[in-house]
Amino acid sequence: MLFNRKSDIQGMLYHSWKYLPLIQDIFGIKNNSFTFESDTFELDFAEGADEILEKNSFIGFHEAGPNVDKTLSSWT
């Protein structure tokens, strides 16, 4: 069976304690895009496109939260 590449199959499989599905739920990400206020943003989930997402996508949120905080803190 063939699937549309924009279908979120991984979210259905890993929901809901993994980082990526929770982020998709929180921001209302659908078909790799979301609207923030009046602007629409396209996301790139390709390998290497987002370091934070790549490192934390499929680990539990209890582990991903501190990892994300540490990475964001190192930017300042």
N, C-alpha and C. Protein backbone atom coordinates (compact mmCIF):
# COMPACT_ATOMS: atom_id res chain seq x y z
N MET A 1 0.83 -1.17 0.00
CA MET A 1 0.00 0.00 0.00
C MET A 1 0.88 1.24 0.00
N LEU A 2 0.56 2.22 -0.80
CA LEU A 2 1.31 3.46 -0.89
C LEU A 2 0.66 4.53 -0.04
N PHE A 3 1.48 5.36 0.58
CA PHE A 3 0.99 6.44 1.42
C PHE A 3 1.48 7.78 0.88
N ASN A 4 0.69 8.79 1.09
CA ASN A 4 1.11 10.14 0.78
C ASN A 4 2.25 10.49 1.72
N ARG A 5 3.34 11.04 1.22
CA ARG A 5 4.50 11.35 2.05
C ARG A 5 4.19 12.40 3.11
N LYS A 6 3.11 13.13 2.94
CA LYS A 6 2.75 14.15 3.92
C LYS A 6 1.88 13.58 5.03
N SER A 7 1.51 12.31 4.95
CA SER A 7 0.74 11.68 6.02
C SER A 7 1.64 11.48 7.23
N ASP A 8 1.08 11.67 8.39
CA ASP A 8 1.86 11.55 9.62
C ASP A 8 1.65 10.17 10.23
N ILE A 9 2.27 9.18 9.63
CA ILE A 9 2.14 7.81 10.11
C ILE A 9 2.95 7.61 11.39
N GLN A 10 4.12 8.23 11.47
CA GLN A 10 4.96 8.05 12.65
C GLN A 10 4.28 8.60 13.90
N GLY A 11 3.53 9.68 13.77
CA GLY A 11 2.83 10.23 14.92
C GLY A 11 1.81 9.25 15.48
N MET A 12 1.14 8.54 14.61
CA MET A 12 0.16 7.55 15.07
C MET A 12 0.83 6.40 15.79
N LEU A 13 2.03 6.04 15.35
CA LEU A 13 2.73 4.91 15.95
C LEU A 13 3.38 5.25 17.28
N TYR A 14 3.87 6.46 17.42
CA TYR A 14 4.63 6.83 18.61
C TYR A 14 3.88 7.70 19.61
N HIS A 15 2.65 8.00 19.31
CA HIS A 15 1.89 8.92 20.15
C HIS A 15 1.70 8.32 21.53
N SER A 16 1.77 8.97 22.58
CA SER A 16 1.83 10.40 22.79
C SER A 16 2.95 10.80 23.72
N TRP A 17 3.82 9.90 24.06
CA TRP A 17 4.89 10.26 24.98
C TRP A 17 6.21 10.54 24.29
N LYS A 18 6.19 10.62 23.01
CA LYS A 18 7.41 10.96 22.27
C LYS A 18 7.38 12.44 21.93
N TYR A 19 8.55 13.02 21.76
CA TYR A 19 8.69 14.47 21.56
C TYR A 19 8.00 14.96 20.29
N LEU A 20 8.26 14.33 19.16
CA LEU A 20 7.72 14.80 17.88
C LEU A 20 6.19 14.84 17.86
N PRO A 21 5.48 13.77 18.25
CA PRO A 21 4.02 13.85 18.23
C PRO A 21 3.46 14.91 19.18
N LEU A 22 4.11 15.11 20.33
CA LEU A 22 3.63 16.13 21.25
C LEU A 22 3.81 17.52 20.66
N ILE A 23 4.94 17.77 20.02
CA ILE A 23 5.17 19.06 19.37
C ILE A 23 4.15 19.27 18.26
N GLN A 24 3.85 18.22 17.50
CA GLN A 24 2.86 18.34 16.43
C GLN A 24 1.48 18.67 17.00
N ASP A 25 1.13 18.08 18.13
CA ASP A 25 -0.16 18.38 18.75
C ASP A 25 -0.21 19.79 19.30
N ILE A 26 0.84 20.21 19.98
CA ILE A 26 0.87 21.52 20.62
C ILE A 26 0.77 22.64 19.59
N PHE A 27 1.53 22.54 18.52
CA PHE A 27 1.56 23.60 17.52
C PHE A 27 0.56 23.40 16.38
N GLY A 28 -0.19 22.31 16.40
CA GLY A 28 -1.17 22.07 15.35
C GLY A 28 -0.51 21.85 14.00
N ILE A 29 0.62 21.17 14.00
CA ILE A 29 1.34 20.91 12.75
C ILE A 29 0.58 19.89 11.93
N LYS A 30 0.30 20.24 10.70
CA LYS A 30 -0.38 19.34 9.78
C LYS A 30 0.25 19.53 8.42
N ASN A 31 0.61 18.45 7.79
CA ASN A 31 1.27 18.48 6.49
C ASN A 31 2.53 19.36 6.52
N ASN A 32 3.29 19.22 7.59
CA ASN A 32 4.57 19.91 7.75
C ASN A 32 4.46 21.43 7.77
N SER A 33 3.32 21.98 8.17
CA SER A 33 3.20 23.43 8.29
C SER A 33 2.29 23.76 9.46
N PHE A 34 2.45 24.97 9.98
CA PHE A 34 1.57 25.45 11.03
C PHE A 34 1.46 26.96 10.92
N THR A 35 0.42 27.52 11.51
CA THR A 35 0.20 28.96 11.47
C THR A 35 0.48 29.53 12.85
N PHE A 36 1.37 30.51 12.90
CA PHE A 36 1.68 31.22 14.13
C PHE A 36 1.18 32.64 13.95
N GLU A 37 0.17 32.98 14.75
CA GLU A 37 -0.54 34.24 14.60
C GLU A 37 -1.07 34.33 13.18
N SER A 38 -0.55 35.22 12.35
CA SER A 38 -1.11 35.33 11.00
C SER A 38 -0.17 34.79 9.93
N ASP A 39 1.00 34.29 10.34
CA ASP A 39 1.98 33.77 9.38
C ASP A 39 1.95 32.25 9.35
N THR A 40 2.12 31.68 8.16
CA THR A 40 2.20 30.24 8.01
C THR A 40 3.66 29.86 7.80
N PHE A 41 4.11 28.87 8.54
CA PHE A 41 5.49 28.43 8.47
C PHE A 41 5.52 27.00 7.94
N GLU A 42 6.44 26.75 7.04
CA GLU A 42 6.67 25.40 6.54
C GLU A 42 7.81 24.79 7.33
N LEU A 43 7.68 23.54 7.70
CA LEU A 43 8.71 22.85 8.45
C LEU A 43 9.41 21.84 7.55
N ASP A 44 10.67 21.62 7.82
CA ASP A 44 11.44 20.64 7.07
C ASP A 44 11.86 19.54 8.03
N PHE A 45 11.23 18.39 7.90
CA PHE A 45 11.55 17.26 8.76
C PHE A 45 12.59 16.35 8.13
N ALA A 46 13.25 16.83 7.08
CA ALA A 46 14.28 16.02 6.43
C ALA A 46 15.46 15.83 7.37
N GLU A 47 16.17 14.76 7.17
CA GLU A 47 17.32 14.45 8.01
C GLU A 47 18.35 15.58 7.95
N GLY A 48 18.76 16.04 9.12
CA GLY A 48 19.75 17.10 9.19
C GLY A 48 19.18 18.51 9.13
N ALA A 49 17.89 18.66 8.92
CA ALA A 49 17.30 19.99 8.78
C ALA A 49 17.15 20.71 10.12
N ASP A 50 16.87 19.98 11.17
CA ASP A 50 16.68 20.57 12.48
C ASP A 50 17.37 19.70 13.51
N GLU A 51 18.46 20.19 14.05
CA GLU A 51 19.29 19.41 14.98
C GLU A 51 18.51 19.00 16.24
N ILE A 52 17.76 19.92 16.81
CA ILE A 52 17.01 19.63 18.04
C ILE A 52 15.97 18.55 17.77
N LEU A 53 15.22 18.70 16.70
CA LEU A 53 14.18 17.73 16.36
C LEU A 53 14.79 16.36 16.05
N GLU A 54 15.89 16.37 15.33
CA GLU A 54 16.52 15.10 14.96
C GLU A 54 17.01 14.33 16.18
N LYS A 55 17.59 15.03 17.15
CA LYS A 55 18.12 14.36 18.34
C LYS A 55 17.03 13.87 19.29
N ASN A 56 15.87 14.54 19.28
CA ASN A 56 14.86 14.28 20.30
C ASN A 56 13.54 13.71 19.80
N SER A 57 13.40 13.53 18.51
CA SER A 57 12.10 13.15 17.93
C SER A 57 11.46 11.92 18.57
N PHE A 58 12.23 10.88 18.76
CA PHE A 58 11.63 9.61 19.15
C PHE A 58 12.04 9.15 20.55
N ILE A 59 12.43 10.11 21.38
CA ILE A 59 12.67 9.77 22.78
C ILE A 59 11.54 10.35 23.60
N GLY A 60 11.38 9.84 24.79
CA GLY A 60 10.30 10.30 25.66
C GLY A 60 10.43 11.78 25.99
N PHE A 61 9.30 12.44 26.19
CA PHE A 61 9.31 13.87 26.45
C PHE A 61 10.04 14.19 27.75
N HIS A 62 10.01 13.30 28.71
CA HIS A 62 10.72 13.55 29.97
C HIS A 62 12.23 13.63 29.76
N GLU A 63 12.75 13.02 28.71
CA GLU A 63 14.17 13.12 28.37
C GLU A 63 14.41 14.26 27.39
N ALA A 64 13.48 14.45 26.46
CA ALA A 64 13.66 15.46 25.41
C ALA A 64 13.57 16.88 25.98
N GLY A 65 12.71 17.10 26.96
CA GLY A 65 12.54 18.44 27.53
C GLY A 65 13.86 19.04 28.03
N PRO A 66 14.57 18.33 28.92
CA PRO A 66 15.87 18.86 29.37
C PRO A 66 16.89 19.00 28.23
N ASN A 67 16.87 18.09 27.27
CA ASN A 67 17.80 18.20 26.13
C ASN A 67 17.53 19.47 25.33
N VAL A 68 16.26 19.75 25.06
CA VAL A 68 15.89 20.94 24.30
C VAL A 68 16.26 22.19 25.09
N ASP A 69 15.97 22.20 26.38
CA ASP A 69 16.30 23.35 27.22
C ASP A 69 17.81 23.61 27.23
N LYS A 70 18.58 22.56 27.34
CA LYS A 70 20.05 22.69 27.35
C LYS A 70 20.56 23.26 26.03
N THR A 71 20.02 22.77 24.92
CA THR A 71 20.44 23.25 23.61
C THR A 71 20.06 24.71 23.41
N LEU A 72 18.82 25.07 23.76
CA LEU A 72 18.38 26.45 23.60
C LEU A 72 19.17 27.39 24.50
N SER A 73 19.51 26.94 25.70
CA SER A 73 20.31 27.76 26.62
C SER A 73 21.72 28.01 26.10
N SER A 74 22.25 27.05 25.37
CA SER A 74 23.60 27.19 24.84
C SER A 74 23.68 28.21 23.70
N TRP A 75 22.55 28.57 23.12
CA TRP A 75 22.51 29.54 22.02
C TRP A 75 22.70 30.97 22.51
N THR A 76 22.44 31.21 23.79
CA THR A 76 22.54 32.59 24.28
C THR A 76 23.89 32.91 24.86
